[in-house]
Amino acid sequence: MENQTYPILINLLAALVGAAGQYLYKAGSQRLKEVPLYLNWQIITGAALFTLVMGLFIWAFKLGGKISVTYPMYATTFIWGCILGILIDKEAWNIGQLVGLTLVIVGISTIAYYSNNVLN
């Protein structure tokens, strides 16, 4: 079995890039009444970032990434999105979000830890 370290790291980077793209979609959507879609740099940049995310997925798979191991790492996009909302938009957060994000981290960490162990 191929080592999953680099594919995991690539998908973690993809999650950060994806969260930035989602944030740009949100920011751009708030300007759609003022700026047409084709001139909205935030939405265009968000789409470019999601294209980059797909390229990162392909790179991770080319390096031998297993979809059952690497793709769950992309779930960290929930964490990055929450952090962006709280830090940049000053969105309120609550204990439910904290518990949910903790569960995401525990799940991702468990998958990564056991990525080279196979149950058959």
Protein backbone atom coordinates (compact mmCIF):
# COMPACT_ATOMS: atom_id res chain seq x y z
CA MET A 1 0.00 0.00 0.00
CA GLU A 2 1.27 3.45 -0.87
CA ASN A 3 1.95 5.98 1.85
CA GLN A 4 -0.96 8.40 2.24
CA THR A 5 0.94 11.28 3.88
CA TYR A 6 1.39 13.49 0.80
CA PRO A 7 -2.10 12.88 -0.57
CA ILE A 8 -3.53 13.73 2.87
CA LEU A 9 -1.50 16.95 3.05
CA ILE A 10 -2.58 17.90 -0.47
CA ASN A 11 -6.24 17.43 0.42
CA LEU A 12 -5.78 19.50 3.58
CA LEU A 13 -4.39 22.28 1.37
CA ALA A 14 -7.36 21.79 -0.98
CA ALA A 15 -9.69 22.28 1.98
CA LEU A 16 -8.07 25.59 2.87
CA VAL A 17 -8.23 26.76 -0.74
CA GLY A 18 -11.85 25.56 -0.99
CA ALA A 19 -12.87 27.46 2.14
CA ALA A 20 -11.30 30.62 0.71
CA GLY A 21 -13.31 30.05 -2.48
CA GLN A 22 -16.52 29.62 -0.50
CA TYR A 23 -15.82 32.82 1.39
CA LEU A 24 -15.29 34.67 -1.90
CA TYR A 25 -18.59 33.26 -3.23
CA LYS A 26 -20.32 34.64 -0.16
CA ALA A 27 -18.67 38.05 -0.47
CA GLY A 28 -19.34 38.20 -4.20
CA SER A 29 -22.97 37.19 -3.83
CA GLN A 30 -23.56 40.22 -1.62
CA ARG A 31 -22.48 42.48 -4.50
CA LEU A 32 -24.57 40.90 -7.28
CA LYS A 33 -27.13 43.74 -7.28
CA GLU A 34 -24.31 46.22 -7.91
CA VAL A 35 -21.90 44.22 -10.07
CA PRO A 36 -22.90 41.75 -12.79
CA LEU A 37 -21.71 38.18 -12.35
CA TYR A 38 -19.18 38.36 -15.19
CA LEU A 39 -17.50 41.40 -13.58
CA ASN A 40 -17.63 40.13 -10.01
CA TRP A 41 -13.98 39.45 -9.18
CA GLN A 42 -14.85 37.64 -5.96
CA ILE A 43 -17.07 35.06 -7.65
CA ILE A 44 -14.63 34.64 -10.55
CA THR A 45 -11.73 34.17 -8.12
CA GLY A 46 -13.83 31.75 -6.05
CA ALA A 47 -14.49 29.67 -9.17
CA ALA A 48 -10.78 29.71 -10.02
CA LEU A 49 -9.96 28.51 -6.52
CA PHE A 50 -12.43 25.62 -6.86
CA THR A 51 -10.76 24.71 -10.15
CA LEU A 52 -7.46 24.64 -8.26
CA VAL A 53 -9.10 22.38 -5.64
CA MET A 54 -10.01 19.88 -8.37
CA GLY A 55 -6.41 19.98 -9.61
CA LEU A 56 -5.17 19.28 -6.09
CA PHE A 57 -7.54 16.29 -5.85
CA ILE A 58 -6.15 14.91 -9.10
CA TRP A 59 -2.57 15.40 -7.89
CA ALA A 60 -3.34 13.58 -4.63
CA PHE A 61 -4.88 10.65 -6.54
CA LYS A 62 -1.92 10.56 -8.93
CA LEU A 63 0.37 10.15 -5.90
CA GLY A 64 -1.62 7.08 -4.86
CA GLY A 65 -4.15 8.72 -2.60
CA LYS A 66 -7.04 6.48 -1.65
CA ILE A 67 -10.37 8.27 -1.91
CA SER A 68 -11.52 6.70 1.37
CA VAL A 69 -8.54 8.30 3.13
CA THR A 70 -7.82 11.54 1.29
CA TYR A 71 -11.28 12.87 0.55
CA PRO A 72 -12.40 12.92 4.19
CA MET A 73 -9.47 15.28 4.82
CA TYR A 74 -11.33 17.79 2.67
CA ALA A 75 -13.91 17.90 5.48
CA THR A 76 -11.56 20.34 7.19
CA THR A 77 -13.11 22.90 4.86
CA PHE A 78 -15.92 23.06 7.47
CA ILE A 79 -13.34 24.11 10.05
CA TRP A 80 -11.72 26.72 7.81
CA GLY A 81 -15.09 28.09 6.74
CA CYS A 82 -16.18 28.49 10.34
CA ILE A 83 -12.92 30.20 11.25
CA LEU A 84 -13.21 32.58 8.27
CA GLY A 85 -16.77 33.48 9.23
CA ILE A 86 -15.85 34.14 12.84
CA LEU A 87 -12.62 36.03 12.20
CA ILE A 88 -13.45 38.00 9.05
CA ASP A 89 -17.23 38.46 9.21
CA LYS A 90 -17.37 38.49 13.01
CA GLU A 91 -20.11 35.83 12.95
CA ALA A 92 -21.26 34.59 16.32
CA TRP A 93 -20.34 31.06 17.30
CA ASN A 94 -21.77 28.68 19.85
CA ILE A 95 -21.02 25.50 21.75
CA GLY A 96 -22.80 23.39 19.13
CA GLN A 97 -20.36 24.56 16.47
CA LEU A 98 -17.43 23.88 18.77
CA VAL A 99 -18.66 20.35 19.51
CA GLY A 100 -19.36 19.70 15.82
CA LEU A 101 -15.96 20.94 14.71
CA THR A 102 -14.30 18.86 17.43
CA LEU A 103 -16.09 15.77 16.10
CA VAL A 104 -14.90 16.59 12.57
CA ILE A 105 -11.32 16.86 13.85
CA VAL A 106 -11.60 13.58 15.76
CA GLY A 107 -13.04 11.81 12.72
CA ILE A 108 -10.42 13.16 10.33
CA SER A 109 -7.61 12.38 12.76
CA THR A 110 -8.88 8.81 13.20
CA ILE A 111 -9.00 8.25 9.44
CA ALA A 112 -5.50 9.69 8.97
CA TYR A 113 -4.04 7.68 11.87
CA TYR A 114 -5.36 4.38 10.54
CA SER A 115 -4.80 5.20 6.85
CA ASN A 116 -2.10 2.57 6.41
CA ASN A 117 -3.93 -0.18 8.30
CA VAL A 118 -6.22 -2.36 6.24
CA LEU A 119 -9.13 -4.39 7.58
CA ASN A 120 -10.00 -7.39 5.44
